[in-house]
Amino acid sequence: MASEFLGVGWQFPITGDAQTRDIALARYEDSIRQAIWIILSTAPGERVMRPDFGCGLHNLVFAVNSAGTAAQVASEVRQALLRWEPRIEALEVAVTTDVSEPTRLLIDIGYRVRATNNRFNLVYPFYLDGSAMG
C-alpha cells in the first residue's frame, strides 16, 4: 500500500489527541504538507543537531519586494524541497505579492506525491520587512 511510504509523525504544532490522550499524529499526505511547512519555516542553522536543515528564505526578509526577490524566493523554496522532501516532486513554485499587504509574498507550491501520484498545492505566506519598501 502506497500510504505506508508516506509516513506518520507528530502533528505540527504538537498537540494532544483527546481520544487517545497521546500526541496527535499527522498521517500520510497531511504529514507531507506539514513537513513542507516545517522546511519553509526553518532557517538553516536554527536546528542544533541539524544546522543545514531548512530553507534560505529567511536571508531575504530585508529584500525589496521586486521581481528579482520573487525569483530568489522561488529558487530557495525549490532547492529546499528538492533537498529535504524526497516524497514529493515540486511541480510549480509561483511567488506573488499579496495585494492586500505589500510586505507579504504568497508562495504557491504545486506538488505531486510520488507514492500516490496525487497532486496538491500549498500557499505559504512569507513576510518581508516593511522598512525595505520604498
C-alpha atoms as a PDB file:
ATOM      1  CA  MET A   1       0.000   0.000   0.000  1.00  0.00           C
ATOM      2  CA  ALA A   2       1.394   3.384  -1.025  1.00  0.00           C
ATOM      3  CA  SER A   3       0.312   5.134   2.161  1.00  0.00           C
ATOM      4  CA  GLU A   4       2.850   3.147   4.198  1.00  0.00           C
ATOM      5  CA  PHE A   5       5.611   5.021   2.345  1.00  0.00           C
ATOM      6  CA  LEU A   6       4.115   8.412   3.173  1.00  0.00           C
ATOM      7  CA  GLY A   7       4.698   8.166   6.894  1.00  0.00           C
ATOM      8  CA  VAL A   8       3.116   9.115  10.146  1.00  0.00           C
ATOM      9  CA  GLY A   9       4.601  11.662  12.523  1.00  0.00           C
ATOM     10  CA  TRP A  10       3.787  14.092  15.254  1.00  0.00           C
ATOM     11  CA  GLN A  11       1.324  16.755  14.224  1.00  0.00           C
ATOM     12  CA  PHE A  12       2.733  20.257  13.895  1.00  0.00           C
ATOM     13  CA  PRO A  13       2.300  22.204  16.056  1.00  0.00           C
ATOM     14  CA  ILE A  14       2.418  19.454  18.650  1.00  0.00           C
ATOM     15  CA  THR A  15      -0.970  18.947  20.276  1.00  0.00           C
ATOM     16  CA  GLY A  16      -2.736  16.225  22.188  1.00  0.00           C
ATOM     17  CA  ASP A  17      -5.262  13.767  20.813  1.00  0.00           C
ATOM     18  CA  ALA A  18      -8.318  13.992  23.088  1.00  0.00           C
ATOM     19  CA  GLN A  19      -9.475  10.456  22.248  1.00  0.00           C
ATOM     20  CA  THR A  20      -6.236   8.572  22.833  1.00  0.00           C
ATOM     21  CA  ARG A  21      -4.632  11.048  25.271  1.00  0.00           C
ATOM     22  CA  ASP A  22      -1.443  10.768  23.220  1.00  0.00           C
ATOM     23  CA  ILE A  23       0.368  13.218  20.999  1.00  0.00           C
ATOM     24  CA  ALA A  24      -1.736  13.905  17.895  1.00  0.00           C
ATOM     25  CA  LEU A  25      -0.345  12.400  14.689  1.00  0.00           C
ATOM     26  CA  ALA A  26      -0.237  13.644  11.107  1.00  0.00           C
ATOM     27  CA  ARG A  27      -0.771  10.854   8.632  1.00  0.00           C
ATOM     28  CA  TYR A  28       0.192  10.319   5.006  1.00  0.00           C
ATOM     29  CA  GLU A  29      -0.401  13.371   2.766  1.00  0.00           C
ATOM     30  CA  ASP A  30      -1.084  15.559   5.796  1.00  0.00           C
ATOM     31  CA  SER A  31       2.324  14.528   7.153  1.00  0.00           C
ATOM     32  CA  ILE A  32       3.909  15.686   3.900  1.00  0.00           C
ATOM     33  CA  ARG A  33       2.049  19.018   3.946  1.00  0.00           C
ATOM     34  CA  GLN A  34       3.213  19.670   7.489  1.00  0.00           C
ATOM     35  CA  ALA A  35       6.795  18.655   6.606  1.00  0.00           C
ATOM     36  CA  ILE A  36       6.813  21.199   3.759  1.00  0.00           C
ATOM     37  CA  TRP A  37       5.595  23.887   6.161  1.00  0.00           C
ATOM     38  CA  ILE A  38       8.351  22.981   8.655  1.00  0.00           C
ATOM     39  CA  ILE A  39      11.047  23.058   5.948  1.00  0.00           C
ATOM     40  CA  LEU A  40       9.981  26.519   4.799  1.00  0.00           C
ATOM     41  CA  SER A  41       9.629  27.837   8.366  1.00  0.00           C
ATOM     42  CA  THR A  42      13.083  26.714   9.483  1.00  0.00           C
ATOM     43  CA  ALA A  43      16.157  28.824   8.797  1.00  0.00           C
ATOM     44  CA  PRO A  44      19.420  26.958   8.194  1.00  0.00           C
ATOM     45  CA  GLY A  45      21.378  27.000  11.443  1.00  0.00           C
ATOM     46  CA  GLU A  46      18.232  27.046  13.579  1.00  0.00           C
ATOM     47  CA  ARG A  47      18.323  23.340  14.446  1.00  0.00           C
ATOM     48  CA  VAL A  48      21.169  22.448  16.769  1.00  0.00           C
ATOM     49  CA  MET A  49      21.626  18.843  15.683  1.00  0.00           C
ATOM     50  CA  ARG A  50      20.901  19.552  12.008  1.00  0.00           C
ATOM     51  CA  PRO A  51      22.322  23.015  11.180  1.00  0.00           C
ATOM     52  CA  ASP A  52      21.977  22.536   7.410  1.00  0.00           C
ATOM     53  CA  PHE A  53      18.223  21.789   7.584  1.00  0.00           C
ATOM     54  CA  GLY A  54      15.731  24.390   6.393  1.00  0.00           C
ATOM     55  CA  CYS A  55      15.139  26.928   3.666  1.00  0.00           C
ATOM     56  CA  GLY A  56      17.139  30.057   2.868  1.00  0.00           C
ATOM     57  CA  LEU A  57      14.025  32.240   2.757  1.00  0.00           C
ATOM     58  CA  HIS A  58      14.988  33.987   5.955  1.00  0.00           C
ATOM     59  CA  ASN A  59      18.018  35.536   4.258  1.00  0.00           C
ATOM     60  CA  LEU A  60      15.568  37.501   2.100  1.00  0.00           C
ATOM     61  CA  VAL A  61      13.471  39.103   4.847  1.00  0.00           C
ATOM     62  CA  PHE A  62      15.083  42.506   4.287  1.00  0.00           C
ATOM     63  CA  ALA A  63      14.968  42.350   0.486  1.00  0.00           C
ATOM     64  CA  VAL A  64      12.928  44.828  -1.526  1.00  0.00           C
ATOM     65  CA  ASN A  65       9.677  43.446  -2.910  1.00  0.00           C
ATOM     66  CA  SER A  66      10.618  43.047  -6.560  1.00  0.00           C
ATOM     67  CA  ALA A  67      10.544  40.508  -9.365  1.00  0.00           C
ATOM     68  CA  GLY A  68      14.139  39.619  -8.505  1.00  0.00           C
ATOM     69  CA  THR A  69      13.236  38.902  -4.893  1.00  0.00           C
ATOM     70  CA  ALA A  70      10.275  36.784  -6.005  1.00  0.00           C
ATOM     71  CA  ALA A  71      12.588  34.767  -8.258  1.00  0.00           C
ATOM     72  CA  GLN A  72      15.081  34.276  -5.403  1.00  0.00           C
ATOM     73  CA  VAL A  73      12.280  33.165  -3.065  1.00  0.00           C
ATOM     74  CA  ALA A  74      11.031  30.640  -5.632  1.00  0.00           C
ATOM     75  CA  SER A  75      14.561  29.320  -6.133  1.00  0.00           C
ATOM     76  CA  GLU A  76      15.171  28.908  -2.376  1.00  0.00           C
ATOM     77  CA  VAL A  77      11.882  27.039  -1.982  1.00  0.00           C
ATOM     78  CA  ARG A  78      12.583  24.710  -4.920  1.00  0.00           C
ATOM     79  CA  GLN A  79      16.084  23.911  -3.632  1.00  0.00           C
ATOM     80  CA  ALA A  80      14.891  23.241  -0.071  1.00  0.00           C
ATOM     81  CA  LEU A  81      12.050  20.969  -1.192  1.00  0.00           C
ATOM     82  CA  LEU A  82      14.315  19.071  -3.552  1.00  0.00           C
ATOM     83  CA  ARG A  83      16.826  18.510  -0.775  1.00  0.00           C
ATOM     84  CA  TRP A  84      14.576  17.859   2.221  1.00  0.00           C
ATOM     85  CA  GLU A  85      11.314  16.346   0.987  1.00  0.00           C
ATOM     86  CA  PRO A  86      12.007  13.355  -1.279  1.00  0.00           C
ATOM     87  CA  ARG A  87       8.393  12.146  -1.060  1.00  0.00           C
ATOM     88  CA  ILE A  88       7.272  14.889  -3.442  1.00  0.00           C
ATOM     89  CA  GLU A  89       8.027  16.380  -6.810  1.00  0.00           C
ATOM     90  CA  ALA A  90       7.635  20.151  -6.798  1.00  0.00           C
ATOM     91  CA  LEU A  91       5.722  20.863  -9.999  1.00  0.00           C
ATOM     92  CA  GLU A  92       5.383  24.606  -9.674  1.00  0.00           C
ATOM     93  CA  VAL A  93       6.545  27.329  -7.312  1.00  0.00           C
ATOM     94  CA  ALA A  94       4.909  30.696  -8.015  1.00  0.00           C
ATOM     95  CA  VAL A  95       5.535  33.778  -5.902  1.00  0.00           C
ATOM     96  CA  THR A  96       3.151  36.743  -5.945  1.00  0.00           C
ATOM     97  CA  THR A  97       2.673  39.813  -3.799  1.00  0.00           C
ATOM     98  CA  ASP A  98      -0.437  39.790  -1.638  1.00  0.00           C
ATOM     99  CA  VAL A  99      -2.478  42.748  -2.959  1.00  0.00           C
ATOM    100  CA  SER A 100      -3.916  43.448   0.499  1.00  0.00           C
ATOM    101  CA  GLU A 101      -0.466  43.542   2.147  1.00  0.00           C
ATOM    102  CA  PRO A 102       2.545  44.543   0.018  1.00  0.00           C
ATOM    103  CA  THR A 103       5.059  43.172   2.548  1.00  0.00           C
ATOM    104  CA  ARG A 104       3.616  39.643   2.223  1.00  0.00           C
ATOM    105  CA  LEU A 105       4.622  37.315  -0.576  1.00  0.00           C
ATOM    106  CA  LEU A 106       2.399  34.318  -1.276  1.00  0.00           C
ATOM    107  CA  ILE A 107       4.377  31.246  -2.262  1.00  0.00           C
ATOM    108  CA  ASP A 108       2.075  28.886  -4.146  1.00  0.00           C
ATOM    109  CA  ILE A 109       3.583  25.411  -4.332  1.00  0.00           C
ATOM    110  CA  GLY A 110       2.068  22.772  -6.578  1.00  0.00           C
ATOM    111  CA  TYR A 111       3.442  19.329  -5.845  1.00  0.00           C
ATOM    112  CA  ARG A 112       2.891  15.664  -6.614  1.00  0.00           C
ATOM    113  CA  VAL A 113       3.231  12.922  -4.013  1.00  0.00           C
ATOM    114  CA  ARG A 114       5.470  10.342  -5.650  1.00  0.00           C
ATOM    115  CA  ALA A 115       3.972   7.261  -3.938  1.00  0.00           C
ATOM    116  CA  THR A 116       0.362   8.009  -4.887  1.00  0.00           C
ATOM    117  CA  ASN A 117       0.695  10.389  -7.843  1.00  0.00           C
ATOM    118  CA  ASN A 118      -1.811  12.687  -6.091  1.00  0.00           C
ATOM    119  CA  ARG A 119      -1.394  16.403  -6.689  1.00  0.00           C
ATOM    120  CA  PHE A 120      -1.711  19.080  -4.025  1.00  0.00           C
ATOM    121  CA  ASN A 121      -0.950  22.723  -3.518  1.00  0.00           C
ATOM    122  CA  LEU A 122       0.076  24.734  -0.507  1.00  0.00           C
ATOM    123  CA  VAL A 123       0.250  28.509  -0.129  1.00  0.00           C
ATOM    124  CA  TYR A 124       2.923  29.682   2.284  1.00  0.00           C
ATOM    125  CA  PRO A 125       2.984  33.351   3.355  1.00  0.00           C
ATOM    126  CA  PHE A 126       6.408  34.990   3.544  1.00  0.00           C
ATOM    127  CA  TYR A 127       6.742  38.405   5.153  1.00  0.00           C
ATOM    128  CA  LEU A 128       9.276  40.973   4.043  1.00  0.00           C
ATOM    129  CA  ASP A 129      10.473  43.688   6.425  1.00  0.00           C
ATOM    130  CA  GLY A 130       8.395  46.809   5.760  1.00  0.00           C
ATOM    131  CA  SER A 131      11.368  49.164   6.042  1.00  0.00           C
ATOM    132  CA  ALA A 132      12.678  47.873   2.727  1.00  0.00           C
ATOM    133  CA  MET A 133       9.565  49.127   0.930  1.00  0.00           C
ATOM    134  CA  GLY A 134      10.404  52.465  -0.645  1.00  0.00           C
END
